Protein backbone atom coordinates (compact mmCIF):
# COMPACT_ATOMS: atom_id res chain seq x y z
CA UNK A 1 44.06 11.73 44.42
CA UNK A 2 45.45 9.46 47.08
CA UNK A 3 46.91 5.76 47.26
CA UNK A 4 43.89 5.05 49.41
CA UNK A 5 41.57 6.39 47.11
CA UNK A 6 42.73 5.01 44.07
CA UNK A 7 42.65 1.08 45.84
CA UNK A 8 38.92 2.27 46.92
CA UNK A 9 36.85 0.95 43.77
CA UNK A 10 38.84 -1.68 43.18
CA UNK A 11 37.63 -3.13 46.40
CA UNK A 12 34.58 -2.79 45.47
CA UNK A 13 34.39 -4.75 42.60
CA UNK A 14 32.53 -7.98 42.14
CA UNK A 15 33.43 -11.21 43.45
CA UNK A 16 33.11 -12.80 40.14
CA UNK A 17 36.46 -10.38 39.29
CA UNK A 18 37.96 -11.24 41.92
CA UNK A 19 37.83 -14.85 41.08
CA UNK A 20 38.76 -13.72 37.36
CA UNK A 21 41.63 -11.78 38.53
CA UNK A 22 43.05 -14.04 40.66
CA UNK A 23 45.38 -11.75 42.34
CA UNK A 24 46.14 -10.44 38.84
CA UNK A 25 46.51 -6.34 38.71
CA UNK A 26 44.40 -4.96 36.52
CA UNK A 27 46.06 -3.64 33.68
CA UNK A 28 43.32 -1.44 31.42
CA UNK A 29 40.28 -0.06 31.96
CA UNK A 30 37.46 0.55 29.30
CA UNK A 31 34.66 3.08 29.76
CA UNK A 32 31.54 2.15 27.35
CA UNK A 33 28.34 3.56 26.18
CA UNK A 34 25.98 1.94 24.64
CA UNK A 35 25.18 3.69 20.94
CA UNK A 36 22.01 4.06 19.27
CA UNK A 37 22.48 0.42 17.43
CA UNK A 38 23.24 -1.27 20.89
CA UNK A 39 27.03 -1.62 20.57
CA UNK A 40 29.86 -0.31 22.88
CA UNK A 41 31.43 2.93 22.20
CA UNK A 42 34.04 4.71 24.62
CA UNK A 43 37.70 5.16 25.71
CA UNK A 44 40.45 2.37 27.49
CA UNK A 45 42.49 3.73 29.83
CA UNK A 46 45.29 1.86 31.61
CA UNK A 47 43.80 0.90 35.01
CA UNK A 48 46.53 3.15 36.55
CA UNK A 49 44.49 6.73 34.94
CA UNK A 50 41.05 5.60 35.24
CA UNK A 51 39.07 7.45 38.81
CA UNK A 52 35.24 7.09 38.52
CA UNK A 53 35.41 10.42 40.09
CA UNK A 54 37.52 11.80 37.61
CA UNK A 55 35.56 13.57 34.68
CA UNK A 56 34.95 12.05 31.16
CA UNK A 57 33.86 13.03 28.14
CA UNK A 58 32.94 12.38 24.22
CA UNK A 59 31.48 14.16 21.69
CA UNK A 60 27.68 13.88 20.96
CA UNK A 61 28.07 13.15 17.63
CA UNK A 62 28.58 9.82 18.28
CA UNK A 63 24.20 9.31 18.13
CA UNK A 64 24.63 11.19 15.12
CA UNK A 65 25.70 7.93 12.77
CA UNK A 66 24.03 5.87 10.61
CA UNK A 67 25.01 1.80 10.95
CA UNK A 68 27.05 2.10 8.09
CA UNK A 69 29.41 5.41 9.69
CA UNK A 70 27.66 7.73 7.70
CA UNK A 71 27.17 11.35 9.30
CA UNK A 72 23.64 12.56 9.15
CA UNK A 73 22.96 16.27 9.00
CA UNK A 74 19.61 16.93 11.04
CA UNK A 75 17.34 19.52 12.25
CA UNK A 76 19.10 19.64 15.64
CA UNK A 77 20.38 23.76 16.51
CA UNK A 78 24.37 23.80 16.21
CA UNK A 79 24.82 20.28 15.20
CA UNK A 80 28.33 20.46 14.10
CA UNK A 81 29.80 22.28 17.35
CA UNK A 82 30.15 18.56 18.71
CA UNK A 83 29.43 19.67 22.37
CA UNK A 84 30.88 17.25 24.77
CA UNK A 85 28.69 15.12 27.04
CA UNK A 86 30.08 14.19 30.64
CA UNK A 87 30.60 10.18 31.25
CA UNK A 88 29.59 8.52 34.54
CA UNK A 89 30.62 5.29 35.35
CA UNK A 90 27.89 3.17 37.14
CA UNK A 91 30.25 0.78 38.75
CA UNK A 92 27.32 -1.89 39.41
CA UNK A 93 28.33 -2.68 36.19
CA UNK A 94 31.84 -3.14 36.09
CA UNK A 95 33.32 -6.73 34.88
CA UNK A 96 36.14 -8.25 33.38
CA UNK A 97 37.07 -8.94 29.84
CA UNK A 98 37.48 -12.16 29.79
CA UNK A 99 38.63 -12.07 26.16
CA UNK A 100 41.12 -9.43 26.79
CA UNK A 101 44.77 -10.20 26.81
CA UNK A 102 45.86 -8.45 30.12
CA UNK A 103 43.30 -8.93 33.06
CA UNK A 104 41.09 -5.87 32.00
CA UNK A 105 37.69 -3.93 33.78
CA UNK A 106 34.61 -2.51 31.81
CA UNK A 107 32.10 -0.44 33.14
CA UNK A 108 28.98 1.10 31.54
CA UNK A 109 28.94 5.27 32.09
CA UNK A 110 25.94 7.13 31.92
CA UNK A 111 25.72 10.07 30.04
CA UNK A 112 24.68 13.45 31.47
CA UNK A 113 24.97 17.31 29.54
CA UNK A 114 26.90 19.78 31.47
CA UNK A 115 24.79 20.89 33.70
CA UNK A 116 23.87 17.71 35.56
CA UNK A 117 20.85 16.66 33.44
CA UNK A 118 20.69 12.91 31.79
CA UNK A 119 21.48 13.48 28.00
CA UNK A 120 17.55 12.52 26.92
CA UNK A 121 19.08 10.98 23.58
CA UNK A 122 21.26 8.52 25.22
CA UNK A 123 19.79 5.12 25.27
CA UNK A 124 20.10 4.33 28.73
CA UNK A 125 18.88 7.40 29.53
CA UNK A 126 15.53 6.60 27.42
CA UNK A 127 14.82 3.46 30.02
CA UNK A 128 15.79 5.26 32.97
CA UNK A 129 13.18 7.67 32.08
CA UNK A 130 10.40 4.73 31.64
CA UNK A 131 11.39 2.88 34.84
CA UNK A 132 10.98 6.29 36.63
CA UNK A 133 7.48 6.67 35.02
CA UNK A 134 6.71 3.50 36.51
CA UNK A 135 8.15 4.06 39.97
CA UNK A 136 6.11 7.50 40.23
CA UNK A 137 3.07 5.00 40.25
CA UNK A 138 4.28 2.85 42.94
CA UNK A 139 5.27 -0.03 40.25
CA UNK A 140 8.66 -2.00 38.94
CA UNK A 141 8.79 -3.75 35.58
CA UNK A 142 10.15 -6.95 35.70
CA UNK A 143 11.15 -8.44 32.37
CA UNK A 144 13.01 -11.95 30.99
CA UNK A 145 14.62 -11.26 27.31
CA UNK A 146 15.49 -14.45 25.23
CA UNK A 147 18.03 -14.07 23.06
CA UNK A 148 18.38 -15.49 19.48
CA UNK A 149 21.22 -15.42 17.79
CA UNK A 150 23.28 -17.09 14.64
CA UNK A 151 26.79 -18.70 14.84
CA UNK A 152 28.34 -18.73 10.95
CA UNK A 153 31.47 -19.90 8.55
CA UNK A 154 32.94 -16.33 8.68
CA UNK A 155 31.21 -14.19 5.94
CA UNK A 156 34.35 -12.22 4.19
CA UNK A 157 32.05 -11.07 1.03
CA UNK A 158 29.38 -9.28 2.07
CA UNK A 159 27.91 -10.79 -1.12
CA UNK A 160 28.23 -14.61 -0.28
CA UNK A 161 25.57 -16.23 1.53
CA UNK A 162 25.78 -16.97 4.99
CA UNK A 163 26.37 -20.26 5.63
CA UNK A 164 26.00 -22.63 9.05
CA UNK A 165 29.65 -23.30 10.52
CA UNK A 166 31.10 -26.67 10.22
CA UNK A 167 30.64 -28.77 13.72
CA UNK A 168 32.50 -31.24 15.34
CA UNK A 169 31.60 -33.80 12.92
CA UNK A 170 33.73 -32.06 10.18
CA UNK A 171 29.78 -31.24 8.61
CA UNK A 172 27.97 -28.21 8.33
CA UNK A 173 25.54 -27.88 11.47
CA UNK A 174 21.96 -29.57 10.67
CA UNK A 175 18.81 -26.89 10.11
CA UNK A 176 15.47 -27.36 11.59
CA UNK A 177 16.54 -29.21 14.79
CA UNK A 178 14.87 -27.18 17.21
CA UNK A 179 15.41 -28.43 20.74
CA UNK A 180 17.89 -30.55 19.48
CA UNK A 181 20.91 -31.30 22.02
CA UNK A 182 23.14 -33.22 19.33
CA UNK A 183 22.63 -30.34 17.13
CA UNK A 184 23.99 -27.94 20.21
CA UNK A 185 26.94 -30.48 20.76
CA UNK A 186 27.88 -29.88 16.96
CA UNK A 187 29.63 -26.46 18.29
CA UNK A 188 29.94 -27.35 22.11
CA UNK A 189 33.27 -25.03 22.08
CA UNK A 190 31.58 -22.07 20.96
CA UNK A 191 29.40 -22.67 24.00
CA UNK A 192 31.49 -23.67 26.74
CA UNK A 193 33.59 -20.46 25.82
CA UNK A 194 30.15 -18.54 26.20
CA UNK A 195 29.78 -20.09 29.37
CA UNK A 196 33.02 -19.19 30.64
CA UNK A 197 33.21 -16.02 29.39
CA UNK A 198 29.71 -15.23 30.99
CA UNK A 199 30.84 -16.57 34.16
CA UNK A 200 33.97 -14.27 34.63
CA UNK A 201 31.84 -11.27 34.03
CA UNK A 202 28.94 -12.47 36.41
CA UNK A 203 26.28 -12.66 33.65
CA UNK A 204 23.33 -14.86 34.80
CA UNK A 205 22.08 -17.77 31.70
CA UNK A 206 18.85 -19.48 32.33
CA UNK A 207 18.57 -22.00 29.42
CA UNK A 208 20.08 -22.22 26.62
CA UNK A 209 18.45 -24.37 23.03
CA UNK A 210 18.98 -25.28 19.35
CA UNK A 211 16.75 -22.87 17.80
CA UNK A 212 15.16 -23.90 14.03
CA UNK A 213 17.82 -22.53 11.71
CA UNK A 214 20.94 -24.24 11.13
CA UNK A 215 23.36 -22.71 14.15
CA UNK A 216 20.75 -21.21 15.68
CA UNK A 217 20.65 -20.82 19.36
CA UNK A 218 18.61 -18.99 22.01
CA UNK A 219 19.59 -18.06 25.53
CA UNK A 220 16.98 -17.28 27.62
CA UNK A 221 18.34 -14.85 30.87
CA UNK A 222 16.74 -15.05 34.38
CA UNK A 223 14.11 -12.44 35.12
CA UNK A 224 14.53 -9.19 36.59
CA UNK A 225 15.23 -5.28 36.60
CA UNK A 226 14.74 -3.74 33.15
CA UNK A 227 18.31 -1.75 33.50
CA UNK A 228 19.93 -4.81 34.71
CA UNK A 229 18.72 -7.35 31.90
CA UNK A 230 19.28 -4.20 29.32
CA UNK A 231 23.15 -4.30 30.82
CA UNK A 232 23.22 -7.84 30.33
CA UNK A 233 21.93 -8.04 26.77
CA UNK A 234 24.20 -5.27 26.19
CA UNK A 235 27.38 -7.32 27.70
CA UNK A 236 25.96 -10.91 26.02
CA UNK A 237 26.01 -9.47 22.54
CA UNK A 238 29.93 -8.05 23.11
CA UNK A 239 30.81 -11.57 24.77
CA UNK A 240 28.82 -14.19 22.41
CA UNK A 241 30.74 -12.16 19.11
CA UNK A 242 34.05 -12.77 20.95
CA UNK A 243 33.23 -16.27 21.97
CA UNK A 244 32.54 -16.92 18.86
CA UNK A 245 35.81 -15.64 17.09
CA UNK A 246 38.19 -17.38 19.42
CA UNK A 247 36.56 -20.28 17.97
CA UNK A 248 36.77 -19.13 14.13
CA UNK A 249 33.13 -18.79 13.34
CA UNK A 250 30.90 -15.78 13.11
CA UNK A 251 27.83 -14.78 15.66
CA UNK A 252 25.38 -12.34 14.13
CA UNK A 253 22.39 -10.68 15.83
CA UNK A 254 21.16 -9.62 12.10
CA UNK A 255 16.98 -10.26 12.71
CA UNK A 256 16.99 -12.24 9.33
CA UNK A 257 20.29 -13.26 8.33
CA UNK A 258 19.37 -16.37 6.00
CA UNK A 259 16.25 -15.81 3.16
CA UNK A 260 15.42 -19.77 4.54
CA UNK A 261 15.94 -19.92 7.84
CA UNK A 262 13.86 -18.59 10.84
CA UNK A 263 14.76 -15.22 11.85
CA UNK A 264 16.27 -14.04 15.07
CA UNK A 265 13.95 -12.39 17.70
CA UNK A 266 14.21 -10.73 21.42
CA UNK A 267 11.38 -12.56 22.79
CA UNK A 268 11.10 -10.22 25.82
CA UNK A 269 8.50 -11.29 29.00
CA UNK A 270 7.02 -8.12 31.30
CA UNK A 271 5.36 -8.19 34.45
CA UNK A 272 4.75 -4.91 36.92
CA UNK A 273 5.12 -5.52 40.76
CA UNK A 274 3.71 -3.44 43.28
CA UNK A 275 7.08 -1.88 44.98
CA UNK A 276 5.55 -1.80 48.40
CA UNK A 277 4.40 -5.49 48.58
CA UNK A 278 5.91 -7.18 45.65
CA UNK A 279 2.22 -7.95 44.43
CA UNK A 280 2.20 -9.17 40.65
CA UNK A 281 -0.26 -6.08 39.52
CA UNK A 282 -1.71 -8.44 36.75
CA UNK A 283 -3.07 -10.86 39.34
CA UNK A 284 -5.93 -10.91 41.52
CA UNK A 285 -5.67 -12.24 45.06
CA UNK A 286 -7.94 -14.88 43.53
CA UNK A 287 -5.37 -15.74 40.86
CA UNK A 288 -7.65 -14.11 38.01
CA UNK A 289 -6.38 -11.47 35.93
CA UNK A 290 -6.75 -7.82 36.67
CA UNK A 291 -8.09 -4.57 34.79
CA UNK A 292 -4.26 -3.10 35.00
CA UNK A 293 -3.10 -6.58 33.36
CA UNK A 294 -6.03 -6.28 30.24
CA UNK A 295 -4.65 -2.50 29.69
CA UNK A 296 -1.59 -3.34 29.64
CA UNK A 297 -2.34 -5.86 26.37
CA UNK A 298 -4.70 -2.87 25.07
CA UNK A 299 -1.66 -0.32 25.25
CA UNK A 300 0.46 -3.10 23.75
CA UNK A 301 -1.67 -3.76 21.09
CA UNK A 302 -2.21 0.08 20.50
CA UNK A 303 0.72 2.03 20.90
CA UNK A 304 3.51 -0.38 19.74
CA UNK A 305 1.76 -0.64 15.89
CA UNK A 306 2.94 3.26 16.31
CA UNK A 307 6.38 2.45 17.24
CA UNK A 308 7.75 -0.51 15.11
CA UNK A 309 10.72 1.10 14.02
CA UNK A 310 12.22 1.05 18.25
CA UNK A 311 11.52 -2.62 17.87
CA UNK A 312 12.70 -3.07 14.09
CA UNK A 313 15.09 -0.58 13.49
CA UNK A 314 16.69 -1.65 10.00
CA UNK A 315 15.89 -2.91 6.44
CA UNK A 316 16.40 -6.24 6.91
CA UNK A 317 13.88 -6.51 10.21
CA UNK A 318 11.41 -6.52 8.35
CA UNK A 319 12.30 -9.92 6.55
CA UNK A 320 11.55 -11.56 9.88
CA UNK A 321 8.47 -10.13 10.99
CA UNK A 322 6.92 -10.67 7.12
CA UNK A 323 7.44 -14.10 6.47
CA UNK A 324 4.86 -16.68 7.03
CA UNK A 325 5.45 -19.86 9.04
CA UNK A 326 9.35 -18.87 10.70
CA UNK A 327 8.16 -18.09 13.81
CA UNK A 328 8.02 -14.55 13.85
CA UNK A 329 4.53 -13.13 14.21
CA UNK A 330 3.81 -10.64 11.71
CA UNK A 331 0.34 -8.94 14.24
CA UNK A 332 -0.21 -7.61 17.31
CA UNK A 333 -2.90 -10.19 18.48
CA UNK A 334 -2.81 -11.61 21.47
CA UNK A 335 -3.57 -14.52 23.57
CA UNK A 336 -3.25 -17.41 25.80
CA UNK A 337 -0.10 -19.93 24.95
CA UNK A 338 -0.18 -18.98 21.32
CA UNK A 339 3.11 -18.32 19.32
CA UNK A 340 1.47 -17.31 16.32
CA UNK A 341 0.36 -14.27 18.14
CA UNK A 342 2.75 -11.12 18.77
CA UNK A 343 1.17 -10.87 22.27
CA UNK A 344 1.54 -13.86 24.17
CA UNK A 345 0.61 -15.07 27.75
CA UNK A 346 2.49 -17.94 28.63
CA UNK A 347 0.93 -20.30 30.50
CA UNK A 348 1.90 -19.73 34.75
CA UNK A 349 0.38 -19.27 37.90
CA UNK A 350 -0.75 -16.16 39.09
CA UNK A 351 2.23 -14.93 40.87
CA UNK A 352 4.46 -15.23 37.21
CA UNK A 353 1.54 -13.75 35.24
CA UNK A 354 2.77 -11.95 32.44
CA UNK A 355 2.77 -10.56 28.64
CA UNK A 356 5.07 -11.87 26.18
CA UNK A 357 6.43 -9.20 23.33
CA UNK A 358 7.18 -11.52 19.96
CA UNK A 359 7.40 -9.06 17.89
CA UNK A 360 11.09 -7.66 19.36
CA UNK A 361 14.13 -8.47 16.63
CA UNK A 362 17.43 -9.38 18.15
CA UNK A 363 18.97 -6.72 15.85
CA UNK A 364 17.14 -4.26 18.37
CA UNK A 365 19.24 -1.90 20.82
CA UNK A 366 17.86 -3.82 24.11
CA UNK A 367 17.85 -0.18 26.12
CA UNK A 368 15.60 1.02 23.41
CA UNK A 369 13.44 -2.36 22.73
CA UNK A 370 12.77 -3.04 26.59
CA UNK A 371 12.04 0.96 27.20
CA UNK A 372 9.35 0.65 24.04
CA UNK A 373 7.81 -2.34 25.01
CA UNK A 374 7.14 -1.03 28.61
CA UNK A 375 6.26 2.24 28.02
CA UNK A 376 3.53 1.20 25.29
CA UNK A 377 1.92 -1.59 28.45
CA UNK A 378 2.44 1.93 30.77
CA UNK A 379 0.22 4.19 28.36
CA UNK A 380 -2.59 1.21 27.78
CA UNK A 381 -3.10 1.36 31.81
CA UNK A 382 -3.03 4.96 32.15
CA UNK A 383 -5.45 5.59 29.35
CA UNK A 384 -7.91 2.50 30.40
CA UNK A 385 -7.10 0.89 26.77
CA UNK A 386 -8.90 -2.29 26.25
CA UNK A 387 -7.44 -4.87 23.78
CA UNK A 388 -9.15 -6.84 21.12
CA UNK A 389 -10.53 -10.16 21.78
CA UNK A 390 -8.20 -12.44 22.36
CA UNK A 391 -7.41 -15.05 19.39
CA UNK A 392 -8.42 -18.31 19.61
CA UNK A 393 -7.22 -19.86 16.45
CA UNK A 394 -3.43 -19.60 14.62
CA UNK A 395 -3.41 -16.40 13.38
CA UNK A 396 -1.74 -16.18 10.08
CA UNK A 397 -2.96 -13.23 8.08
CA UNK A 398 -4.18 -10.58 10.76
CA UNK A 399 -7.09 -7.79 9.71
CA UNK A 400 -3.84 -5.40 11.36
CA UNK A 401 -0.61 -6.78 10.43
CA UNK A 402 2.79 -5.01 11.63
CA UNK A 403 3.87 -2.75 8.45
CA UNK A 404 5.93 -4.38 5.89
CA UNK A 405 8.97 -2.36 5.83
CA UNK A 406 11.20 0.27 7.15
CA UNK A 407 9.57 3.06 5.07
CA UNK A 408 6.12 2.30 6.23
CA UNK A 409 7.26 2.14 9.96
CA UNK A 410 8.62 5.17 9.99
CA UNK A 411 5.68 6.67 8.64
CA UNK A 412 3.36 5.72 11.47
CA UNK A 413 6.13 6.50 14.12
CA UNK A 414 6.04 10.32 12.75
CA UNK A 415 1.97 10.36 14.02
CA UNK A 416 2.88 8.44 17.13
CA UNK A 417 2.15 12.06 19.24
CA UNK A 418 1.31 10.57 22.49
CA UNK A 419 4.02 7.52 22.87
CA UNK A 420 6.74 9.23 21.59
CA UNK A 421 6.24 12.05 24.48
CA UNK A 422 6.03 9.33 26.69
CA UNK A 423 9.42 7.86 25.17
CA UNK A 424 10.86 11.00 24.66
CA UNK A 425 10.83 13.64 21.78
CA UNK A 426 14.04 14.55 21.37
CA UNK A 427 15.20 10.43 21.18
CA UNK A 428 12.47 9.70 19.01
CA UNK A 429 13.15 12.59 16.84
CA UNK A 430 16.54 12.16 16.81
CA UNK A 431 16.26 8.27 16.39
CA UNK A 432 13.56 8.91 13.26
CA UNK A 433 16.06 11.12 11.39
CA UNK A 434 19.10 8.39 11.64
CA UNK A 435 16.72 5.71 10.53
CA UNK A 436 15.19 7.31 7.64
CA UNK A 437 18.95 8.16 6.01
CA UNK A 438 19.64 4.48 6.43
CA UNK A 439 16.82 3.35 4.36
CA UNK A 440 17.72 6.41 1.84
CA UNK A 441 21.11 4.87 1.68
CA UNK A 442 19.63 1.45 1.10
CA UNK A 443 17.81 2.26 -1.11
CA UNK A 444 20.30 3.41 -3.30
CA UNK A 445 21.89 -0.17 -3.21
CA UNK A 446 22.05 -2.79 -5.75
CA UNK A 447 21.46 -6.17 -4.35
CA UNK A 448 23.06 -9.37 -5.54
CA UNK A 449 19.72 -10.74 -6.58
CA UNK A 450 19.39 -7.90 -9.27
CA UNK A 451 22.33 -8.23 -10.96
CA UNK A 452 21.97 -12.16 -10.99
CA UNK A 453 18.36 -11.91 -12.49
CA UNK A 454 18.43 -8.20 -13.92
CA UNK A 455 21.48 -7.51 -15.33
CA UNK A 456 21.10 -9.88 -18.50
CA UNK A 457 17.20 -10.69 -18.38
CA UNK A 458 15.89 -7.33 -19.08
């Protein structure tokens, strides 16, 4: 490789990176992939060793682990050969690692088999599969995620409850102060660090607000391409954690970290445009909603119910969507501008007509959840699925409630033949087996509640 070739990828990096580096040489490069959880795995190397065209590989077994790190033996032929999977850097995702001590670069990689085919079980491949299904119809999905998370006092003993951080006043940050600017100001240094890190990486924030829980924040992202937005969520999760740690607090994306505070969601706004004309296919020329919009809602109602584990992947996820009055709909009813329904049509003009999926938890893998939600709407349009009647009142108890546990959700997922074929059967089989293993592992645990109330009382 000539020196000119070595320099070529450096010259193509973003303006944000150039501003961040400010003439300093790049010290290291991290080549990363999102795993089933949605966290980063990969390889780090000196920048002098990095070449986007040089083959890199990781063992496929990185997808065979539960959230606790346990490996799961599954119905996969020759599973423990641990064959290598080829990593191909997507240089469009290259950005700074602003919390690193030296000037460093991170880049998300796609994963391929040795024969050049995409790795079907890789989350980024799953989302690309759905994007292609839309493209084959001449359509392009547009999404906008909302990220909810908690800042907490460092939790060093898992047996201790989660506590809010101490703010600038020296007191624990207030609870139930939704939209309060004073509450946001309490942890201003963390917010400032998030903004600085995001700017260095070229990550765009639309708005930031205080949510209902003590230390709970929501960051809204700009609408755009599903893959680009999933990459941003992937980067933002790491960024927010690092910004919190720099300020001696934790950031958690658990769906329900505290019993008596609201859970954290990743609400997803979805619209579809015609690739050729750029027109929102959910609106007619006269501004009324189209049949396609109605069928997208119908498909979301019918098929989302079958693939809930992709939106709520852990035992903790179901503590968020089954608690009444905590801003987390436990249903898939739909309505205009109604936040008690799992599917909401926000008030907008015809060009911005969209459906908001309010069921997805912030503990999801963004690639998987976005792919799953779009796949359900897609299948609804293909099969012309009619939705149930619009909910005209508050929906606290639905005739068709969401499953109350991961076990119940997995039972429905096993039978979801049609939607699984759209998402990808190989991926769905792997995901289900990992989640079953996690649920079994959880069932073996003895909780603090059991020790407190049963140890000496039964």
